[in-house]
Amino acid sequence: MRKRKGKLEEILSKARFHDDIDLYQVLYRDFDNIACVTLKEFIYLSSNFESIPISRIVKIKKGPDVIYSKSNSQKIS
């Protein structure tokens, strides 16, 4: 039986393969800080999600709009 993609996986897939990847910004936990990079840069830094797991993503923006936010994240701007 095949596992269904979650909301975050759907957003990342759409951004990578069906939209302009340069419009997306990823905010992720980097030790005690929140780092903000473009999605393209995040994929490169994480070695395609291997060295930085997808679970560290706390927010994704497309332009000025927040399209994903982890529900249990604390005070992210």
Protein backbone atom coordinates (compact mmCIF):
# COMPACT_ATOMS: atom_id res chain seq x y z
CA MET A 1 0.00 0.00 0.00
CA ARG A 2 1.34 3.41 -0.97
CA LYS A 3 1.77 6.17 1.62
CA ARG A 4 -0.09 9.37 0.78
CA LYS A 5 1.92 12.59 0.63
CA GLY A 6 1.40 15.10 3.40
CA LYS A 7 0.68 18.78 2.88
CA LEU A 8 4.35 19.76 3.12
CA GLU A 9 5.44 17.15 0.58
CA GLU A 10 2.71 18.30 -1.82
CA ILE A 11 3.84 21.94 -1.55
CA LEU A 12 7.49 21.02 -2.13
CA SER A 13 6.65 18.80 -5.08
CA LYS A 14 4.50 21.48 -6.72
CA ALA A 15 7.17 24.14 -6.15
CA ARG A 16 9.96 22.00 -7.60
CA PHE A 17 8.22 20.55 -10.62
CA HIS A 18 5.22 22.71 -11.53
CA ASP A 19 5.97 26.25 -10.38
CA ASP A 20 8.81 28.80 -10.26
CA ILE A 21 11.06 27.46 -7.49
CA ASP A 22 12.65 30.90 -7.05
CA LEU A 23 9.40 32.30 -5.62
CA TYR A 24 9.61 30.08 -2.52
CA GLN A 25 11.44 30.77 0.75
CA VAL A 26 11.99 28.15 3.43
CA LEU A 27 12.41 28.90 7.11
CA TYR A 28 13.95 25.99 8.98
CA ARG A 29 15.43 25.17 12.39
CA ASP A 30 19.21 25.41 12.37
CA PHE A 31 20.20 24.49 15.93
CA ASP A 32 18.79 27.33 18.10
CA ASN A 33 18.13 29.68 15.17
CA ILE A 34 15.63 29.94 12.36
CA ALA A 35 17.34 30.23 8.97
CA CYS A 36 15.62 31.63 5.88
CA VAL A 37 16.77 30.60 2.39
CA THR A 38 15.22 30.08 -1.00
CA LEU A 39 13.80 26.64 -1.69
CA LYS A 40 16.44 26.08 -4.36
CA GLU A 41 19.20 26.87 -1.85
CA PHE A 42 17.57 24.69 0.83
CA ILE A 43 17.51 21.70 -1.52
CA TYR A 44 21.20 22.26 -2.28
CA LEU A 45 22.21 22.77 1.39
CA SER A 46 20.24 19.76 2.54
CA SER A 47 21.62 17.49 -0.21
CA ASN A 48 18.09 16.87 -1.44
CA PHE A 49 16.65 16.63 2.11
CA GLU A 50 19.28 14.17 3.39
CA SER A 51 21.50 16.30 5.65
CA ILE A 52 18.69 18.64 6.76
CA PRO A 53 15.49 16.64 7.17
CA ILE A 54 12.17 17.94 5.94
CA SER A 55 10.91 17.84 9.54
CA ARG A 56 13.04 20.92 10.36
CA ILE A 57 11.01 23.13 8.01
CA VAL A 58 8.81 25.44 10.08
CA LYS A 59 7.46 27.77 7.41
CA ILE A 60 7.29 28.13 3.63
CA LYS A 61 6.50 31.39 1.89
CA LYS A 62 5.59 32.00 -1.72
CA GLY A 63 6.37 35.65 -2.24
CA PRO A 64 4.83 37.49 0.72
CA ASP A 65 2.26 34.74 1.43
CA VAL A 66 2.80 32.01 4.01
CA ILE A 67 1.64 28.76 2.40
CA TYR A 68 2.85 26.36 5.10
CA SER A 69 3.43 26.82 8.79
CA LYS A 70 4.15 24.09 11.31
CA SER A 71 1.32 24.21 13.82
CA ASN A 72 3.51 23.71 16.90
CA SER A 73 6.22 26.22 15.95
CA GLN A 74 6.86 29.01 18.39
CA LYS A 75 7.00 32.67 17.43
CA ILE A 76 8.42 32.56 13.92
CA SER A 77 8.55 35.67 11.79
